[in-house]
């Protein structure tokens, strides 16, 4: 398993978490509430946690070669929802387990 984490500063973390989960709920297994969400995409899992100032994102994939693509897909979708603000995704990869 390969995982990567980004902590994205935003006052709208809960909104973006819910928008992303609703967006993918028609296509993938999704569970969420205003502060926590899990999305099982075909290329890996995305776990989101929201607090008042930060959207915490962890993406995990079985295929190490897919981690960069998963990071990009998740970040690009959230950026579309957050078009009114400039979000920074500083991904930090964990060593493969």
PDB file of N, CA and C in Angstrom:
ATOM      1  N   UNK A   1       0.840  -1.184   0.000  1.00  0.00           N
ATOM      2  CA  UNK A   1       0.000   0.000   0.000  1.00  0.00           C
ATOM      3  C   UNK A   1       0.885   1.246   0.000  1.00  0.00           C
ATOM      4  N   UNK A   2       0.488   2.203  -0.792  1.00  0.00           N
ATOM      5  CA  UNK A   2       1.165   3.491  -0.831  1.00  0.00           C
ATOM      6  C   UNK A   2       0.155   4.550  -0.449  1.00  0.00           C
ATOM      7  N   UNK A   3       0.558   5.482   0.410  1.00  0.00           N
ATOM      8  CA  UNK A   3      -0.361   6.546   0.805  1.00  0.00           C
ATOM      9  C   UNK A   3       0.325   7.900   0.753  1.00  0.00           C
ATOM     10  N   UNK A   4      -0.513   8.917   0.666  1.00  0.00           N
ATOM     11  CA  UNK A   4      -0.038  10.284   0.596  1.00  0.00           C
ATOM     12  C   UNK A   4      -1.033  11.161   1.340  1.00  0.00           C
ATOM     13  N   UNK A   5      -0.507  12.205   1.982  1.00  0.00           N
ATOM     14  CA  UNK A   5      -1.352  13.072   2.810  1.00  0.00           C
ATOM     15  C   UNK A   5      -1.145  14.535   2.425  1.00  0.00           C
ATOM     16  N   UNK A   6      -2.254  15.279   2.445  1.00  0.00           N
ATOM     17  CA  UNK A   6      -2.186  16.731   2.261  1.00  0.00           C
ATOM     18  C   UNK A   6      -3.106  17.379   3.283  1.00  0.00           C
ATOM     19  N   UNK A   7      -2.629  18.436   3.905  1.00  0.00           N
ATOM     20  CA  UNK A   7      -3.429  19.245   4.820  1.00  0.00           C
ATOM     21  C   UNK A   7      -3.624  20.589   4.132  1.00  0.00           C
ATOM     22  N   UNK A   8      -4.862  20.845   3.712  1.00  0.00           N
ATOM     23  CA  UNK A   8      -5.172  22.009   2.882  1.00  0.00           C
ATOM     24  C   UNK A   8      -5.874  23.061   3.734  1.00  0.00           C
ATOM     25  N   UNK A   9      -5.241  24.214   3.867  1.00  0.00           N
ATOM     26  CA  UNK A   9      -5.808  25.297   4.675  1.00  0.00           C
ATOM     27  C   UNK A   9      -7.001  25.915   3.952  1.00  0.00           C
ATOM     28  N   UNK A  10      -8.169  25.870   4.601  1.00  0.00           N
ATOM     29  CA  UNK A  10      -9.381  26.496   4.076  1.00  0.00           C
ATOM     30  C   UNK A  10     -10.433  26.570   5.178  1.00  0.00           C
ATOM     31  N   UNK A  11     -11.189  27.637   5.180  1.00  0.00           N
ATOM     32  CA  UNK A  11     -12.298  27.775   6.121  1.00  0.00           C
ATOM     33  C   UNK A  11     -13.528  27.019   5.628  1.00  0.00           C
ATOM     34  N   UNK A  12     -13.456  26.451   4.427  1.00  0.00           N
ATOM     35  CA  UNK A  12     -14.592  25.763   3.818  1.00  0.00           C
ATOM     36  C   UNK A  12     -14.353  24.258   3.698  1.00  0.00           C
ATOM     37  N   UNK A  13     -13.564  23.704   4.603  1.00  0.00           N
ATOM     38  CA  UNK A  13     -13.183  22.293   4.529  1.00  0.00           C
ATOM     39  C   UNK A  13     -14.405  21.372   4.502  1.00  0.00           C
ATOM     40  N   UNK A  14     -15.358  21.586   5.371  1.00  0.00           N
ATOM     41  CA  UNK A  14     -16.539  20.729   5.419  1.00  0.00           C
ATOM     42  C   UNK A  14     -17.335  20.814   4.113  1.00  0.00           C
ATOM     43  N   UNK A  15     -17.474  21.995   3.577  1.00  0.00           N
ATOM     44  CA  UNK A  15     -18.199  22.167   2.310  1.00  0.00           C
ATOM     45  C   UNK A  15     -17.534  21.366   1.194  1.00  0.00           C
ATOM     46  N   UNK A  16     -16.211  21.487   1.066  1.00  0.00           N
ATOM     47  CA  UNK A  16     -15.513  20.791  -0.008  1.00  0.00           C
ATOM     48  C   UNK A  16     -15.548  19.271   0.184  1.00  0.00           C
ATOM     49  N   UNK A  17     -15.422  18.823   1.433  1.00  0.00           N
ATOM     50  CA  UNK A  17     -15.520  17.401   1.739  1.00  0.00           C
ATOM     51  C   UNK A  17     -16.868  16.870   1.255  1.00  0.00           C
ATOM     52  N   UNK A  18     -17.945  17.549   1.622  1.00  0.00           N
ATOM     53  CA  UNK A  18     -19.284  17.090   1.255  1.00  0.00           C
ATOM     54  C   UNK A  18     -19.525  17.172  -0.254  1.00  0.00           C
ATOM     55  N   UNK A  19     -19.026  18.222  -0.890  1.00  0.00           N
ATOM     56  CA  UNK A  19     -19.196  18.349  -2.339  1.00  0.00           C
ATOM     57  C   UNK A  19     -18.494  17.211  -3.070  1.00  0.00           C
ATOM     58  N   UNK A  20     -17.264  16.903  -2.666  1.00  0.00           N
ATOM     59  CA  UNK A  20     -16.519  15.839  -3.329  1.00  0.00           C
ATOM     60  C   UNK A  20     -17.214  14.497  -3.123  1.00  0.00           C
ATOM     61  N   UNK A  21     -17.655  14.228  -1.916  1.00  0.00           N
ATOM     62  CA  UNK A  21     -18.327  12.958  -1.638  1.00  0.00           C
ATOM     63  C   UNK A  21     -19.630  12.841  -2.432  1.00  0.00           C
ATOM     64  N   UNK A  22     -20.426  13.893  -2.462  1.00  0.00           N
ATOM     65  CA  UNK A  22     -21.673  13.863  -3.235  1.00  0.00           C
ATOM     66  C   UNK A  22     -21.379  13.708  -4.721  1.00  0.00           C
ATOM     67  N   UNK A  23     -20.348  14.367  -5.202  1.00  0.00           N
ATOM     68  CA  UNK A  23     -19.976  14.314  -6.615  1.00  0.00           C
ATOM     69  C   UNK A  23     -19.675  12.880  -7.059  1.00  0.00           C
ATOM     70  N   UNK A  24     -18.968  12.127  -6.225  1.00  0.00           N
ATOM     71  CA  UNK A  24     -18.564  10.776  -6.600  1.00  0.00           C
ATOM     72  C   UNK A  24     -19.516   9.695  -6.110  1.00  0.00           C
ATOM     73  N   UNK A  25     -20.524  10.054  -5.328  1.00  0.00           N
ATOM     74  CA  UNK A  25     -21.423   9.052  -4.741  1.00  0.00           C
ATOM     75  C   UNK A  25     -22.220   8.278  -5.789  1.00  0.00           C
ATOM     76  N   UNK A  26     -22.451   8.868  -6.938  1.00  0.00           N
ATOM     77  CA  UNK A  26     -23.222   8.171  -7.976  1.00  0.00           C
ATOM     78  C   UNK A  26     -22.393   7.107  -8.697  1.00  0.00           C
ATOM     79  N   UNK A  27     -21.068   7.177  -8.527  1.00  0.00           N
ATOM     80  CA  UNK A  27     -20.178   6.309  -9.295  1.00  0.00           C
ATOM     81  C   UNK A  27     -19.349   5.344  -8.435  1.00  0.00           C
ATOM     82  N   UNK A  28     -19.094   5.725  -7.175  1.00  0.00           N
ATOM     83  CA  UNK A  28     -18.226   4.939  -6.302  1.00  0.00           C
ATOM     84  C   UNK A  28     -18.859   4.800  -4.916  1.00  0.00           C
ATOM     85  N   UNK A  29     -18.440   3.781  -4.134  1.00  0.00           N
ATOM     86  CA  UNK A  29     -18.910   3.680  -2.746  1.00  0.00           C
ATOM     87  C   UNK A  29     -18.387   4.871  -1.930  1.00  0.00           C
ATOM     88  N   UNK A  30     -19.306   5.565  -1.262  1.00  0.00           N
ATOM     89  CA  UNK A  30     -18.972   6.770  -0.503  1.00  0.00           C
ATOM     90  C   UNK A  30     -19.732   6.762   0.819  1.00  0.00           C
ATOM     91  N   UNK A  31     -19.047   7.170   1.878  1.00  0.00           N
ATOM     92  CA  UNK A  31     -19.678   7.402   3.177  1.00  0.00           C
ATOM     93  C   UNK A  31     -19.171   8.744   3.682  1.00  0.00           C
ATOM     94  N   UNK A  32     -20.083   9.587   4.192  1.00  0.00           N
ATOM     95  CA  UNK A  32     -19.607  10.874   4.699  1.00  0.00           C
ATOM     96  C   UNK A  32     -20.617  11.524   5.628  1.00  0.00           C
ATOM     97  N   UNK A  33     -20.087  12.430   6.438  1.00  0.00           N
ATOM     98  CA  UNK A  33     -20.871  13.362   7.230  1.00  0.00           C
ATOM     99  C   UNK A  33     -20.131  14.695   7.117  1.00  0.00           C
ATOM    100  N   UNK A  34     -20.548  15.756   7.783  1.00  0.00           N
ATOM    101  CA  UNK A  34     -19.885  17.053   7.590  1.00  0.00           C
ATOM    102  C   UNK A  34     -18.403  17.107   7.958  1.00  0.00           C
ATOM    103  N   UNK A  35     -17.910  16.167   8.766  1.00  0.00           N
ATOM    104  CA  UNK A  35     -16.511  16.258   9.185  1.00  0.00           C
ATOM    105  C   UNK A  35     -15.628  15.094   8.729  1.00  0.00           C
ATOM    106  N   UNK A  36     -16.216  14.054   8.133  1.00  0.00           N
ATOM    107  CA  UNK A  36     -15.427  12.883   7.736  1.00  0.00           C
ATOM    108  C   UNK A  36     -16.040  12.244   6.501  1.00  0.00           C
ATOM    109  N   UNK A  37     -15.184  11.844   5.568  1.00  0.00           N
ATOM    110  CA  UNK A  37     -15.666  11.165   4.379  1.00  0.00           C
ATOM    111  C   UNK A  37     -14.685  10.118   3.894  1.00  0.00           C
ATOM    112  N   UNK A  38     -15.225   9.057   3.277  1.00  0.00           N
ATOM    113  CA  UNK A  38     -14.417   7.994   2.689  1.00  0.00           C
ATOM    114  C   UNK A  38     -14.972   7.718   1.297  1.00  0.00           C
ATOM    115  N   UNK A  39     -14.088   7.732   0.305  1.00  0.00           N
ATOM    116  CA  UNK A  39     -14.466   7.463  -1.074  1.00  0.00           C
ATOM    117  C   UNK A  39     -13.583   6.335  -1.586  1.00  0.00           C
ATOM    118  N   UNK A  40     -14.218   5.263  -2.053  1.00  0.00           N
ATOM    119  CA  UNK A  40     -13.471   4.137  -2.613  1.00  0.00           C
ATOM    120  C   UNK A  40     -13.500   4.242  -4.134  1.00  0.00           C
ATOM    121  N   UNK A  41     -12.499   4.929  -4.672  1.00  0.00           N
ATOM    122  CA  UNK A  41     -12.372   5.085  -6.120  1.00  0.00           C
ATOM    123  C   UNK A  41     -11.793   3.812  -6.713  1.00  0.00           C
ATOM    124  N   UNK A  42     -11.910   3.645  -8.008  1.00  0.00           N
ATOM    125  CA  UNK A  42     -11.368   2.448  -8.653  1.00  0.00           C
ATOM    126  C   UNK A  42      -9.848   2.361  -8.490  1.00  0.00           C
ATOM    127  N   UNK A  43      -9.158   3.501  -8.410  1.00  0.00           N
ATOM    128  CA  UNK A  43      -7.699   3.475  -8.291  1.00  0.00           C
ATOM    129  C   UNK A  43      -7.190   3.541  -6.862  1.00  0.00           C
ATOM    130  N   UNK A  44      -8.083   3.734  -5.887  1.00  0.00           N
ATOM    131  CA  UNK A  44      -7.654   3.785  -4.495  1.00  0.00           C
ATOM    132  C   UNK A  44      -8.680   4.448  -3.603  1.00  0.00           C
ATOM    133  N   UNK A  45      -8.339   4.577  -2.343  1.00  0.00           N
ATOM    134  CA  UNK A  45      -9.242   5.140  -1.341  1.00  0.00           C
ATOM    135  C   UNK A  45      -8.822   6.561  -0.984  1.00  0.00           C
ATOM    136  N   UNK A  46      -9.819   7.406  -0.776  1.00  0.00           N
ATOM    137  CA  UNK A  46      -9.601   8.768  -0.316  1.00  0.00           C
ATOM    138  C   UNK A  46     -10.347   8.956   0.999  1.00  0.00           C
ATOM    139  N   UNK A  47      -9.626   9.415   2.022  1.00  0.00           N
ATOM    140  CA  UNK A  47     -10.236   9.702   3.321  1.00  0.00           C
ATOM    141  C   UNK A  47     -10.052  11.192   3.579  1.00  0.00           C
ATOM    142  N   UNK A  48     -11.171  11.861   3.922  1.00  0.00           N
ATOM    143  CA  UNK A  48     -11.151  13.301   4.156  1.00  0.00           C
ATOM    144  C   UNK A  48     -11.651  13.599   5.564  1.00  0.00           C
ATOM    145  N   UNK A  49     -10.977  14.520   6.232  1.00  0.00           N
ATOM    146  CA  UNK A  49     -11.413  15.006   7.536  1.00  0.00           C
ATOM    147  C   UNK A  49     -11.366  16.520   7.515  1.00  0.00           C
ATOM    148  N   UNK A  50     -12.449  17.136   8.000  1.00  0.00           N
ATOM    149  CA  UNK A  50     -12.552  18.589   7.981  1.00  0.00           C
ATOM    150  C   UNK A  50     -12.620  19.134   9.395  1.00  0.00           C
ATOM    151  N   UNK A  51     -11.868  20.217   9.631  1.00  0.00           N
ATOM    152  CA  UNK A  51     -12.034  20.973  10.857  1.00  0.00           C
ATOM    153  C   UNK A  51     -12.252  22.436  10.453  1.00  0.00           C
ATOM    154  N   UNK A  52     -12.240  23.338  11.395  1.00  0.00           N
ATOM    155  CA  UNK A  52     -12.582  24.731  11.100  1.00  0.00           C
ATOM    156  C   UNK A  52     -11.604  25.424  10.164  1.00  0.00           C
ATOM    157  N   UNK A  53     -10.371  24.936  10.076  1.00  0.00           N
ATOM    158  CA  UNK A  53      -9.359  25.645   9.292  1.00  0.00           C
ATOM    159  C   UNK A  53      -8.650  24.797   8.238  1.00  0.00           C
ATOM    160  N   UNK A  54      -8.911  23.476   8.222  1.00  0.00           N
ATOM    161  CA  UNK A  54      -8.121  22.599   7.354  1.00  0.00           C
ATOM    162  C   UNK A  54      -8.942  21.424   6.838  1.00  0.00           C
ATOM    163  N   UNK A  55      -8.679  21.079   5.572  1.00  0.00           N
ATOM    164  CA  UNK A  55      -9.189  19.845   4.993  1.00  0.00           C
ATOM    165  C   UNK A  55      -8.016  18.871   4.953  1.00  0.00           C
ATOM    166  N   UNK A  56      -8.133  17.787   5.715  1.00  0.00           N
ATOM    167  CA  UNK A  56      -7.084  16.773   5.801  1.00  0.00           C
ATOM    168  C   UNK A  56      -7.450  15.656   4.825  1.00  0.00           C
ATOM    169  N   UNK A  57      -6.532  15.303   3.934  1.00  0.00           N
ATOM    170  CA  UNK A  57      -6.799  14.306   2.901  1.00  0.00           C
ATOM    171  C   UNK A  57      -5.717  13.238   2.949  1.00  0.00           C
ATOM    172  N   UNK A  58      -6.143  11.979   2.928  1.00  0.00           N
ATOM    173  CA  UNK A  58      -5.213  10.857   2.797  1.00  0.00           C
ATOM    174  C   UNK A  58      -5.710  10.002   1.638  1.00  0.00           C
ATOM    175  N   UNK A  59      -4.832   9.786   0.663  1.00  0.00           N
ATOM    176  CA  UNK A  59      -5.149   8.890  -0.445  1.00  0.00           C
ATOM    177  C   UNK A  59      -4.261   7.658  -0.320  1.00  0.00           C
ATOM    178  N   UNK A  60      -4.832   6.486  -0.610  1.00  0.00           N
ATOM    179  CA  UNK A  60      -4.125   5.227  -0.485  1.00  0.00           C
ATOM    180  C   UNK A  60      -4.423   4.370  -1.708  1.00  0.00           C
ATOM    181  N   UNK A  61      -3.399   3.720  -2.218  1.00  0.00           N
ATOM    182  CA  UNK A  61      -3.581   2.845  -3.372  1.00  0.00           C
ATOM    183  C   UNK A  61      -2.718   1.600  -3.238  1.00  0.00           C
ATOM    184  N   UNK A  62      -3.200   0.511  -3.802  1.00  0.00           N
ATOM    185  CA  UNK A  62      -2.437  -0.744  -3.827  1.00  0.00           C
ATOM    186  C   UNK A  62      -1.266  -0.638  -4.795  1.00  0.00           C
ATOM    187  N   UNK A  63      -1.460   0.118  -5.871  1.00  0.00           N
ATOM    188  CA  UNK A  63      -0.485   0.233  -6.952  1.00  0.00           C
ATOM    189  C   UNK A  63       0.308   1.534  -6.785  1.00  0.00           C
ATOM    190  N   UNK A  64       1.556   1.417  -6.368  1.00  0.00           N
ATOM    191  CA  UNK A  64       2.390   2.602  -6.108  1.00  0.00           C
ATOM    192  C   UNK A  64       2.480   3.525  -7.313  1.00  0.00           C
ATOM    193  N   UNK A  65       2.390   2.976  -8.505  1.00  0.00           N
ATOM    194  CA  UNK A  65       2.489   3.810  -9.704  1.00  0.00           C
ATOM    195  C   UNK A  65       1.247   4.678  -9.916  1.00  0.00           C
ATOM    196  N   UNK A  66       0.171   4.427  -9.162  1.00  0.00           N
ATOM    197  CA  UNK A  66      -1.071   5.189  -9.310  1.00  0.00           C
ATOM    198  C   UNK A  66      -1.195   6.346  -8.322  1.00  0.00           C
ATOM    199  N   UNK A  67      -0.289   6.447  -7.353  1.00  0.00           N
ATOM    200  CA  UNK A  67      -0.466   7.432  -6.283  1.00  0.00           C
ATOM    201  C   UNK A  67      -0.460   8.862  -6.812  1.00  0.00           C
ATOM    202  N   UNK A  68       0.428   9.174  -7.737  1.00  0.00           N
ATOM    203  CA  UNK A  68       0.471  10.545  -8.262  1.00  0.00           C
ATOM    204  C   UNK A  68      -0.825  10.886  -8.999  1.00  0.00           C
ATOM    205  N   UNK A  69      -1.337   9.944  -9.755  1.00  0.00           N
ATOM    206  CA  UNK A  69      -2.600  10.163 -10.477  1.00  0.00           C
ATOM    207  C   UNK A  69      -3.745  10.376  -9.490  1.00  0.00           C
ATOM    208  N   UNK A  70      -3.804   9.593  -8.426  1.00  0.00           N
ATOM    209  CA  UNK A  70      -4.849   9.730  -7.420  1.00  0.00           C
ATOM    210  C   UNK A  70      -4.758  11.094  -6.736  1.00  0.00           C
ATOM    211  N   UNK A  71      -3.547  11.517  -6.379  1.00  0.00           N
ATOM    212  CA  UNK A  71      -3.357  12.856  -5.795  1.00  0.00           C
ATOM    213  C   UNK A  71      -3.916  13.933  -6.727  1.00  0.00           C
ATOM    214  N   UNK A  72      -3.573  13.824  -8.000  1.00  0.00           N
ATOM    215  CA  UNK A  72      -3.983  14.826  -8.989  1.00  0.00           C
ATOM    216  C   UNK A  72      -5.492  14.854  -9.170  1.00  0.00           C
ATOM    217  N   UNK A  73      -6.110  13.693  -9.291  1.00  0.00           N
ATOM    218  CA  UNK A  73      -7.561  13.623  -9.496  1.00  0.00           C
ATOM    219  C   UNK A  73      -8.295  14.247  -8.316  1.00  0.00           C
ATOM    220  N   UNK A  74      -7.910  13.896  -7.108  1.00  0.00           N
ATOM    221  CA  UNK A  74      -8.574  14.429  -5.911  1.00  0.00           C
ATOM    222  C   UNK A  74      -8.356  15.941  -5.824  1.00  0.00           C
ATOM    223  N   UNK A  75      -7.125  16.403  -5.972  1.00  0.00           N
ATOM    224  CA  UNK A  75      -6.831  17.834  -5.877  1.00  0.00           C
ATOM    225  C   UNK A  75      -7.558  18.625  -6.958  1.00  0.00           C
ATOM    226  N   UNK A  76      -7.555  18.134  -8.185  1.00  0.00           N
ATOM    227  CA  UNK A  76      -8.218  18.859  -9.277  1.00  0.00           C
ATOM    228  C   UNK A  76      -9.717  19.005  -9.041  1.00  0.00           C
ATOM    229  N   UNK A  77     -10.350  17.972  -8.533  1.00  0.00           N
ATOM    230  CA  UNK A  77     -11.786  18.068  -8.258  1.00  0.00           C
ATOM    231  C   UNK A  77     -12.069  19.084  -7.152  1.00  0.00           C
ATOM    232  N   UNK A  78     -11.283  19.044  -6.090  1.00  0.00           N
ATOM    233  CA  UNK A  78     -11.505  20.001  -4.990  1.00  0.00           C
ATOM    234  C   UNK A  78     -11.236  21.426  -5.471  1.00  0.00           C
ATOM    235  N   UNK A  79     -10.201  21.619  -6.271  1.00  0.00           N
ATOM    236  CA  UNK A  79      -9.901  22.961  -6.801  1.00  0.00           C
ATOM    237  C   UNK A  79     -11.061  23.501  -7.614  1.00  0.00           C
ATOM    238  N   UNK A  80     -11.757  22.646  -8.350  1.00  0.00           N
ATOM    239  CA  UNK A  80     -12.925  23.101  -9.115  1.00  0.00           C
ATOM    240  C   UNK A  80     -14.025  23.603  -8.197  1.00  0.00           C
ATOM    241  N   UNK A  81     -14.235  22.920  -7.077  1.00  0.00           N
ATOM    242  CA  UNK A  81     -15.251  23.364  -6.116  1.00  0.00           C
ATOM    243  C   UNK A  81     -14.823  24.653  -5.425  1.00  0.00           C
ATOM    244  N   UNK A  82     -13.530  24.861  -5.290  1.00  0.00           N
ATOM    245  CA  UNK A  82     -12.966  25.989  -4.534  1.00  0.00           C
ATOM    246  C   UNK A  82     -12.461  27.088  -5.452  1.00  0.00           C
ATOM    247  N   UNK A  83     -13.142  27.304  -6.563  1.00  0.00           N
ATOM    248  CA  UNK A  83     -12.635  28.261  -7.553  1.00  0.00           C
ATOM    249  C   UNK A  83     -12.512  29.680  -7.021  1.00  0.00           C
ATOM    250  N   UNK A  84     -13.141  29.992  -5.899  1.00  0.00           N
ATOM    251  CA  UNK A  84     -13.057  31.346  -5.337  1.00  0.00           C
ATOM    252  C   UNK A  84     -11.817  31.565  -4.466  1.00  0.00           C
ATOM    253  N   UNK A  85     -11.089  30.496  -4.187  1.00  0.00           N
ATOM    254  CA  UNK A  85      -9.884  30.619  -3.375  1.00  0.00           C
ATOM    255  C   UNK A  85      -8.767  29.752  -3.964  1.00  0.00           C
ATOM    256  N   UNK A  86      -7.560  30.103  -3.630  1.00  0.00           N
ATOM    257  CA  UNK A  86      -6.381  29.385  -4.130  1.00  0.00           C
ATOM    258  C   UNK A  86      -5.941  28.385  -3.065  1.00  0.00           C
ATOM    259  N   UNK A  87      -6.194  27.106  -3.311  1.00  0.00           N
ATOM    260  CA  UNK A  87      -5.813  26.078  -2.352  1.00  0.00           C
ATOM    261  C   UNK A  87      -4.440  25.518  -2.695  1.00  0.00           C
ATOM    262  N   UNK A  88      -3.697  25.144  -1.649  1.00  0.00           N
ATOM    263  CA  UNK A  88      -2.367  24.568  -1.825  1.00  0.00           C
ATOM    264  C   UNK A  88      -2.401  23.119  -1.343  1.00  0.00           C
ATOM    265  N   UNK A  89      -2.022  22.208  -2.242  1.00  0.00           N
ATOM    266  CA  UNK A  89      -1.944  20.785  -1.931  1.00  0.00           C
ATOM    267  C   UNK A  89      -0.474  20.402  -1.885  1.00  0.00           C
ATOM    268  N   UNK A  90       0.039  20.225  -0.674  1.00  0.00           N
ATOM    269  CA  UNK A  90       1.433  19.820  -0.491  1.00  0.00           C
ATOM    270  C   UNK A  90       1.417  18.354  -0.054  1.00  0.00           C
ATOM    271  N   UNK A  91       1.438  17.453  -1.043  1.00  0.00           N
ATOM    272  CA  UNK A  91       1.331  16.031  -0.768  1.00  0.00           C
ATOM    273  C   UNK A  91       2.612  15.503  -0.128  1.00  0.00           C
ATOM    274  N   UNK A  92       2.444  14.687   0.900  1.00  0.00           N
ATOM    275  CA  UNK A  92       3.553  14.039   1.583  1.00  0.00           C
ATOM    276  C   UNK A  92       3.318  12.540   1.544  1.00  0.00           C
ATOM    277  N   UNK A  93       4.164  11.845   0.818  1.00  0.00           N
ATOM    278  CA  UNK A  93       3.998  10.400   0.655  1.00  0.00           C
ATOM    279  C   UNK A  93       4.625   9.644   1.808  1.00  0.00           C
ATOM    280  N   UNK A  94       3.890   8.637   2.248  1.00  0.00           N
ATOM    281  CA  UNK A  94       4.413   7.744   3.263  1.00  0.00           C
ATOM    282  C   UNK A  94       5.172   6.619   2.564  1.00  0.00           C
ATOM    283  N   UNK A  95       6.173   6.060   3.187  1.00  0.00           N
ATOM    284  CA  UNK A  95       6.886   4.930   2.579  1.00  0.00           C
ATOM    285  C   UNK A  95       5.915   3.785   2.308  1.00  0.00           C
ATOM    286  N   UNK A  96       6.118   3.082   1.222  1.00  0.00           N
ATOM    287  CA  UNK A  96       5.257   1.945   0.878  1.00  0.00           C
ATOM    288  C   UNK A  96       5.341   0.889   1.967  1.00  0.00           C
ATOM    289  N   UNK A  97       4.178   0.347   2.295  1.00  0.00           N
ATOM    290  CA  UNK A  97       4.127  -0.670   3.356  1.00  0.00           C
ATOM    291  C   UNK A  97       4.190  -2.057   2.778  1.00  0.00           C
TER     292      UNK A  97
END
